[in-house]
Amino acid sequence: MPTTELDDLLAGLALSESSAEFVKSLPSDQQQQLLSLLQSAVQKKDERINGAVNNALSVVPLPLRGTVKKMLFS
């Protein structure tokens, strides 16, 4: 498994140093399985956030949605 990919994901999780070291000490196949599960969870979280944003923007009149998105997320 690419170490940088695991390091980047662990940095984003704000784990304690001892927890991060434990994950890094796992056998490669278990690290890969954990990485896959974490990436799936992050992807689902992102999809839910995007769905919530789109749902919230549905109350904004269509001609103004682009402008409101820019104001909120720029």
PDB file of N, CA and C in Angstrom:
ATOM      1  N   MET A   1       0.838  -1.169   0.000  1.00  0.00           N
ATOM      2  CA  MET A   1       0.000   0.000   0.000  1.00  0.00           C
ATOM      3  C   MET A   1       0.886   1.236   0.000  1.00  0.00           C
ATOM      4  N   PRO A   2       0.507   2.230  -0.775  1.00  0.00           N
ATOM      5  CA  PRO A   2       1.286   3.464  -0.750  1.00  0.00           C
ATOM      6  C   PRO A   2       1.208   4.117   0.622  1.00  0.00           C
ATOM      7  N   THR A   3       2.363   4.346   1.222  1.00  0.00           N
ATOM      8  CA  THR A   3       2.414   4.910   2.568  1.00  0.00           C
ATOM      9  C   THR A   3       1.848   6.322   2.590  1.00  0.00           C
ATOM     10  N   THR A   4       2.096   7.099   1.549  1.00  0.00           N
ATOM     11  CA  THR A   4       1.608   8.484   1.534  1.00  0.00           C
ATOM     12  C   THR A   4       0.089   8.526   1.550  1.00  0.00           C
ATOM     13  N   GLU A   5      -0.552   7.598   0.874  1.00  0.00           N
ATOM     14  CA  GLU A   5      -2.018   7.543   0.855  1.00  0.00           C
ATOM     15  C   GLU A   5      -2.548   7.283   2.262  1.00  0.00           C
ATOM     16  N   LEU A   6      -1.944   6.353   2.961  1.00  0.00           N
ATOM     17  CA  LEU A   6      -2.346   6.046   4.332  1.00  0.00           C
ATOM     18  C   LEU A   6      -2.041   7.228   5.247  1.00  0.00           C
ATOM     19  N   ASP A   7      -0.865   7.826   5.105  1.00  0.00           N
ATOM     20  CA  ASP A   7      -0.489   8.975   5.933  1.00  0.00           C
ATOM     21  C   ASP A   7      -1.456  10.138   5.731  1.00  0.00           C
ATOM     22  N   ASP A   8      -1.820  10.409   4.483  1.00  0.00           N
ATOM     23  CA  ASP A   8      -2.753  11.503   4.195  1.00  0.00           C
ATOM     24  C   ASP A   8      -4.104  11.245   4.832  1.00  0.00           C
ATOM     25  N   LEU A   9      -4.586  10.026   4.740  1.00  0.00           N
ATOM     26  CA  LEU A   9      -5.887   9.692   5.316  1.00  0.00           C
ATOM     27  C   LEU A   9      -5.840   9.770   6.841  1.00  0.00           C
ATOM     28  N   LEU A  10      -4.782   9.260   7.437  1.00  0.00           N
ATOM     29  CA  LEU A  10      -4.657   9.309   8.898  1.00  0.00           C
ATOM     30  C   LEU A  10      -4.541  10.751   9.398  1.00  0.00           C
ATOM     31  N   ALA A  11      -3.858  11.605   8.644  1.00  0.00           N
ATOM     32  CA  ALA A  11      -3.725  13.014   9.035  1.00  0.00           C
ATOM     33  C   ALA A  11      -5.095  13.694   9.031  1.00  0.00           C
ATOM     34  N   GLY A  12      -5.935  13.326   8.081  1.00  0.00           N
ATOM     35  CA  GLY A  12      -7.264  13.911   8.000  1.00  0.00           C
ATOM     36  C   GLY A  12      -8.203  13.441   9.091  1.00  0.00           C
ATOM     37  N   LEU A  13      -7.882  12.345   9.746  1.00  0.00           N
ATOM     38  CA  LEU A  13      -8.746  11.795  10.791  1.00  0.00           C
ATOM     39  C   LEU A  13      -8.435  12.358  12.170  1.00  0.00           C
ATOM     40  N   ALA A  14      -7.360  13.092  12.295  1.00  0.00           N
ATOM     41  CA  ALA A  14      -6.956  13.691  13.578  1.00  0.00           C
ATOM     42  C   ALA A  14      -6.838  12.632  14.680  1.00  0.00           C
ATOM     43  N   LEU A  15      -6.160  11.527  14.362  1.00  0.00           N
ATOM     44  CA  LEU A  15      -5.925  10.480  15.347  1.00  0.00           C
ATOM     45  C   LEU A  15      -4.770  10.872  16.256  1.00  0.00           C
ATOM     46  N   SER A  16      -4.767  10.310  17.444  1.00  0.00           N
ATOM     47  CA  SER A  16      -3.615  10.518  18.327  1.00  0.00           C
ATOM     48  C   SER A  16      -2.415   9.822  17.696  1.00  0.00           C
ATOM     49  N   GLU A  17      -1.242  10.215  18.133  1.00  0.00           N
ATOM     50  CA  GLU A  17      -0.014   9.639  17.577  1.00  0.00           C
ATOM     51  C   GLU A  17       0.052   8.139  17.831  1.00  0.00           C
ATOM     52  N   SER A  18      -0.382   7.706  19.015  1.00  0.00           N
ATOM     53  CA  SER A  18      -0.336   6.276  19.324  1.00  0.00           C
ATOM     54  C   SER A  18      -1.326   5.499  18.458  1.00  0.00           C
ATOM     55  N   SER A  19      -2.480   6.079  18.173  1.00  0.00           N
ATOM     56  CA  SER A  19      -3.455   5.404  17.307  1.00  0.00           C
ATOM     57  C   SER A  19      -2.932   5.296  15.882  1.00  0.00           C
ATOM     58  N   ALA A  20      -2.329   6.369  15.385  1.00  0.00           N
ATOM     59  CA  ALA A  20      -1.768   6.350  14.036  1.00  0.00           C
ATOM     60  C   ALA A  20      -0.651   5.320  13.932  1.00  0.00           C
ATOM     61  N   GLU A  21       0.202   5.251  14.948  1.00  0.00           N
ATOM     62  CA  GLU A  21       1.282   4.266  14.939  1.00  0.00           C
ATOM     63  C   GLU A  21       0.729   2.843  14.969  1.00  0.00           C
ATOM     64  N   PHE A  22      -0.362   2.629  15.710  1.00  0.00           N
ATOM     65  CA  PHE A  22      -0.975   1.306  15.753  1.00  0.00           C
ATOM     66  C   PHE A  22      -1.458   0.906  14.366  1.00  0.00           C
ATOM     67  N   VAL A  23      -2.123   1.836  13.686  1.00  0.00           N
ATOM     68  CA  VAL A  23      -2.625   1.539  12.341  1.00  0.00           C
ATOM     69  C   VAL A  23      -1.462   1.225  11.412  1.00  0.00           C
ATOM     70  N   LYS A  24      -0.387   1.974  11.516  1.00  0.00           N
ATOM     71  CA  LYS A  24       0.777   1.741  10.658  1.00  0.00           C
ATOM     72  C   LYS A  24       1.470   0.428  10.976  1.00  0.00           C
ATOM     73  N   SER A  25       1.270  -0.091  12.188  1.00  0.00           N
ATOM     74  CA  SER A  25       1.910  -1.343  12.568  1.00  0.00           C
ATOM     75  C   SER A  25       1.114  -2.566  12.111  1.00  0.00           C
ATOM     76  N   LEU A  26      -0.090  -2.356  11.610  1.00  0.00           N
ATOM     77  CA  LEU A  26      -0.899  -3.482  11.136  1.00  0.00           C
ATOM     78  C   LEU A  26      -0.249  -4.123   9.920  1.00  0.00           C
ATOM     79  N   PRO A  27      -0.511  -5.403   9.711  1.00  0.00           N
ATOM     80  CA  PRO A  27      -0.020  -6.052   8.489  1.00  0.00           C
ATOM     81  C   PRO A  27      -0.594  -5.353   7.253  1.00  0.00           C
ATOM     82  N   SER A  28       0.115  -5.451   6.171  1.00  0.00           N
ATOM     83  CA  SER A  28      -0.235  -4.733   4.943  1.00  0.00           C
ATOM     84  C   SER A  28      -1.667  -5.018   4.481  1.00  0.00           C
ATOM     85  N   ASP A  29      -2.097  -6.278   4.537  1.00  0.00           N
ATOM     86  CA  ASP A  29      -3.445  -6.603   4.075  1.00  0.00           C
ATOM     87  C   ASP A  29      -4.511  -5.958   4.961  1.00  0.00           C
ATOM     88  N   GLN A  30      -4.255  -5.885   6.259  1.00  0.00           N
ATOM     89  CA  GLN A  30      -5.210  -5.239   7.162  1.00  0.00           C
ATOM     90  C   GLN A  30      -5.189  -3.721   6.979  1.00  0.00           C
ATOM     91  N   GLN A  31      -4.017  -3.165   6.706  1.00  0.00           N
ATOM     92  CA  GLN A  31      -3.939  -1.737   6.409  1.00  0.00           C
ATOM     93  C   GLN A  31      -4.749  -1.421   5.155  1.00  0.00           C
ATOM     94  N   GLN A  32      -4.630  -2.264   4.144  1.00  0.00           N
ATOM     95  CA  GLN A  32      -5.354  -2.056   2.894  1.00  0.00           C
ATOM     96  C   GLN A  32      -6.861  -2.141   3.124  1.00  0.00           C
ATOM     97  N   GLN A  33      -7.282  -3.104   3.917  1.00  0.00           N
ATOM     98  CA  GLN A  33      -8.705  -3.255   4.215  1.00  0.00           C
ATOM     99  C   GLN A  33      -9.219  -2.034   4.985  1.00  0.00           C
ATOM    100  N   LEU A  34      -8.469  -1.585   5.967  1.00  0.00           N
ATOM    101  CA  LEU A  34      -8.858  -0.412   6.749  1.00  0.00           C
ATOM    102  C   LEU A  34      -8.897   0.828   5.864  1.00  0.00           C
ATOM    103  N   LEU A  35      -7.903   1.001   5.007  1.00  0.00           N
ATOM    104  CA  LEU A  35      -7.856   2.135   4.098  1.00  0.00           C
ATOM    105  C   LEU A  35      -9.082   2.131   3.184  1.00  0.00           C
ATOM    106  N   SER A  36      -9.435   0.965   2.679  1.00  0.00           N
ATOM    107  CA  SER A  36     -10.605   0.845   1.811  1.00  0.00           C
ATOM    108  C   SER A  36     -11.886   1.232   2.551  1.00  0.00           C
ATOM    109  N   LEU A  37     -12.031   0.750   3.779  1.00  0.00           N
ATOM    110  CA  LEU A  37     -13.213   1.081   4.579  1.00  0.00           C
ATOM    111  C   LEU A  37     -13.289   2.576   4.892  1.00  0.00           C
ATOM    112  N   LEU A  38     -12.153   3.157   5.235  1.00  0.00           N
ATOM    113  CA  LEU A  38     -12.124   4.588   5.547  1.00  0.00           C
ATOM    114  C   LEU A  38     -12.416   5.437   4.317  1.00  0.00           C
ATOM    115  N   GLN A  39     -11.867   5.056   3.176  1.00  0.00           N
ATOM    116  CA  GLN A  39     -12.136   5.804   1.947  1.00  0.00           C
ATOM    117  C   GLN A  39     -13.609   5.715   1.575  1.00  0.00           C
ATOM    118  N   SER A  40     -14.198   4.556   1.763  1.00  0.00           N
ATOM    119  CA  SER A  40     -15.624   4.388   1.494  1.00  0.00           C
ATOM    120  C   SER A  40     -16.462   5.263   2.421  1.00  0.00           C
ATOM    121  N   ALA A  41     -16.093   5.311   3.692  1.00  0.00           N
ATOM    122  CA  ALA A  41     -16.826   6.141   4.652  1.00  0.00           C
ATOM    123  C   ALA A  41     -16.702   7.619   4.310  1.00  0.00           C
ATOM    124  N   VAL A  42     -15.517   8.052   3.914  1.00  0.00           N
ATOM    125  CA  VAL A  42     -15.313   9.459   3.540  1.00  0.00           C
ATOM    126  C   VAL A  42     -16.124   9.795   2.291  1.00  0.00           C
ATOM    127  N   GLN A  43     -16.137   8.880   1.322  1.00  0.00           N
ATOM    128  CA  GLN A  43     -16.908   9.102   0.097  1.00  0.00           C
ATOM    129  C   GLN A  43     -18.402   9.213   0.403  1.00  0.00           C
ATOM    130  N   LYS A  44     -18.916   8.336   1.258  1.00  0.00           N
ATOM    131  CA  LYS A  44     -20.332   8.393   1.630  1.00  0.00           C
ATOM    132  C   LYS A  44     -20.650   9.687   2.373  1.00  0.00           C
ATOM    133  N   LYS A  45     -19.730  10.113   3.248  1.00  0.00           N
ATOM    134  CA  LYS A  45     -19.923  11.376   3.968  1.00  0.00           C
ATOM    135  C   LYS A  45     -20.000  12.536   2.983  1.00  0.00           C
ATOM    136  N   ASP A  46     -19.088  12.555   2.009  1.00  0.00           N
ATOM    137  CA  ASP A  46     -19.076  13.620   1.010  1.00  0.00           C
ATOM    138  C   ASP A  46     -20.372  13.625   0.195  1.00  0.00           C
ATOM    139  N   GLU A  47     -20.859  12.435  -0.167  1.00  0.00           N
ATOM    140  CA  GLU A  47     -22.107  12.340  -0.917  1.00  0.00           C
ATOM    141  C   GLU A  47     -23.286  12.859  -0.097  1.00  0.00           C
ATOM    142  N   ARG A  48     -23.303  12.544   1.193  1.00  0.00           N
ATOM    143  CA  ARG A  48     -24.388  13.020   2.054  1.00  0.00           C
ATOM    144  C   ARG A  48     -24.338  14.531   2.221  1.00  0.00           C
ATOM    145  N   ILE A  49     -23.142  15.086   2.343  1.00  0.00           N
ATOM    146  CA  ILE A  49     -23.002  16.541   2.462  1.00  0.00           C
ATOM    147  C   ILE A  49     -23.467  17.216   1.177  1.00  0.00           C
ATOM    148  N   ASN A  50     -23.045  16.684   0.033  1.00  0.00           N
ATOM    149  CA  ASN A  50     -23.477  17.257  -1.243  1.00  0.00           C
ATOM    150  C   ASN A  50     -24.989  17.177  -1.394  1.00  0.00           C
ATOM    151  N   GLY A  51     -25.572  16.062  -0.977  1.00  0.00           N
ATOM    152  CA  GLY A  51     -27.030  15.926  -1.030  1.00  0.00           C
ATOM    153  C   GLY A  51     -27.723  16.937  -0.139  1.00  0.00           C
ATOM    154  N   ALA A  52     -27.170  17.165   1.042  1.00  0.00           N
ATOM    155  CA  ALA A  52     -27.762  18.133   1.965  1.00  0.00           C
ATOM    156  C   ALA A  52     -27.660  19.548   1.414  1.00  0.00           C
ATOM    157  N   VAL A  53     -26.512  19.873   0.813  1.00  0.00           N
ATOM    158  CA  VAL A  53     -26.343  21.201   0.216  1.00  0.00           C
ATOM    159  C   VAL A  53     -27.338  21.392  -0.926  1.00  0.00           C
ATOM    160  N   ASN A  54     -27.440  20.398  -1.781  1.00  0.00           N
ATOM    161  CA  ASN A  54     -28.386  20.501  -2.898  1.00  0.00           C
ATOM    162  C   ASN A  54     -29.816  20.600  -2.405  1.00  0.00           C
ATOM    163  N   ASN A  55     -30.130  19.876  -1.349  1.00  0.00           N
ATOM    164  CA  ASN A  55     -31.468  19.951  -0.772  1.00  0.00           C
ATOM    165  C   ASN A  55     -31.727  21.347  -0.210  1.00  0.00           C
ATOM    166  N   ALA A  56     -30.747  21.903   0.472  1.00  0.00           N
ATOM    167  CA  ALA A  56     -30.893  23.244   1.035  1.00  0.00           C
ATOM    168  C   ALA A  56     -31.038  24.285  -0.074  1.00  0.00           C
ATOM    169  N   LEU A  57     -30.301  24.096  -1.158  1.00  0.00           N
ATOM    170  CA  LEU A  57     -30.376  25.060  -2.263  1.00  0.00           C
ATOM    171  C   LEU A  57     -31.671  24.938  -3.055  1.00  0.00           C
ATOM    172  N   SER A  58     -32.412  23.874  -2.848  1.00  0.00           N
ATOM    173  CA  SER A  58     -33.658  23.703  -3.600  1.00  0.00           C
ATOM    174  C   SER A  58     -34.698  24.750  -3.222  1.00  0.00           C
ATOM    175  N   VAL A  59     -34.544  25.407  -2.071  1.00  0.00           N
ATOM    176  CA  VAL A  59     -35.485  26.457  -1.686  1.00  0.00           C
ATOM    177  C   VAL A  59     -35.106  27.805  -2.292  1.00  0.00           C
ATOM    178  N   VAL A  60     -33.897  27.888  -2.874  1.00  0.00           N
ATOM    179  CA  VAL A  60     -33.445  29.114  -3.529  1.00  0.00           C
ATOM    180  C   VAL A  60     -33.970  29.084  -4.970  1.00  0.00           C
ATOM    181  N   PRO A  61     -34.525  30.200  -5.429  1.00  0.00           N
ATOM    182  CA  PRO A  61     -34.993  30.221  -6.825  1.00  0.00           C
ATOM    183  C   PRO A  61     -33.878  29.838  -7.797  1.00  0.00           C
ATOM    184  N   LEU A  62     -34.234  29.078  -8.804  1.00  0.00           N
ATOM    185  CA  LEU A  62     -33.271  28.519  -9.760  1.00  0.00           C
ATOM    186  C   LEU A  62     -32.302  29.555 -10.342  1.00  0.00           C
ATOM    187  N   PRO A  63     -32.752  30.720 -10.763  1.00  0.00           N
ATOM    188  CA  PRO A  63     -31.799  31.677 -11.346  1.00  0.00           C
ATOM    189  C   PRO A  63     -30.733  32.168 -10.353  1.00  0.00           C
ATOM    190  N   LEU A  64     -30.991  32.035  -9.064  1.00  0.00           N
ATOM    191  CA  LEU A  64     -30.052  32.539  -8.052  1.00  0.00           C
ATOM    192  C   LEU A  64     -29.150  31.465  -7.463  1.00  0.00           C
ATOM    193  N   ARG A  65     -29.388  30.210  -7.766  1.00  0.00           N
ATOM    194  CA  ARG A  65     -28.635  29.111  -7.131  1.00  0.00           C
ATOM    195  C   ARG A  65     -27.138  29.200  -7.361  1.00  0.00           C
ATOM    196  N   GLY A  66     -26.727  29.503  -8.586  1.00  0.00           N
ATOM    197  CA  GLY A  66     -25.295  29.608  -8.875  1.00  0.00           C
ATOM    198  C   GLY A  66     -24.634  30.697  -8.061  1.00  0.00           C
ATOM    199  N   THR A  67     -25.306  31.824  -7.949  1.00  0.00           N
ATOM    200  CA  THR A  67     -24.772  32.949  -7.184  1.00  0.00           C
ATOM    201  C   THR A  67     -24.692  32.594  -5.705  1.00  0.00           C
ATOM    202  N   VAL A  68     -25.723  31.952  -5.183  1.00  0.00           N
ATOM    203  CA  VAL A  68     -25.741  31.577  -3.774  1.00  0.00           C
ATOM    204  C   VAL A  68     -24.642  30.567  -3.487  1.00  0.00           C
ATOM    205  N   LYS A  69     -24.426  29.587  -4.391  1.00  0.00           N
ATOM    206  CA  LYS A  69     -23.350  28.615  -4.207  1.00  0.00           C
ATOM    207  C   LYS A  69     -21.995  29.323  -4.142  1.00  0.00           C
ATOM    208  N   LYS A  70     -21.790  30.270  -5.043  1.00  0.00           N
ATOM    209  CA  LYS A  70     -20.521  31.007  -5.047  1.00  0.00           C
ATOM    210  C   LYS A  70     -20.335  31.769  -3.747  1.00  0.00           C
ATOM    211  N   MET A  71     -21.402  32.379  -3.263  1.00  0.00           N
ATOM    212  CA  MET A  71     -21.314  33.147  -2.014  1.00  0.00           C
ATOM    213  C   MET A  71     -21.002  32.249  -0.830  1.00  0.00           C
ATOM    214  N   LEU A  72     -21.579  31.071  -0.801  1.00  0.00           N
ATOM    215  CA  LEU A  72     -21.405  30.172   0.325  1.00  0.00           C
ATOM    216  C   LEU A  72     -20.081  29.410   0.294  1.00  0.00           C
ATOM    217  N   PHE A  73     -19.609  29.052  -0.866  1.00  0.00           N
ATOM    218  CA  PHE A  73     -18.489  28.123  -0.966  1.00  0.00           C
ATOM    219  C   PHE A  73     -17.244  28.689  -1.624  1.00  0.00           C
ATOM    220  N   SER A  74     -17.160  29.977  -1.761  1.00  0.00           N
ATOM    221  CA  SER A  74     -15.947  30.577  -2.351  1.00  0.00           C
ATOM    222  C   SER A  74     -15.129  31.273  -1.304  1.00  0.00           C
TER     223      SER A  74
END
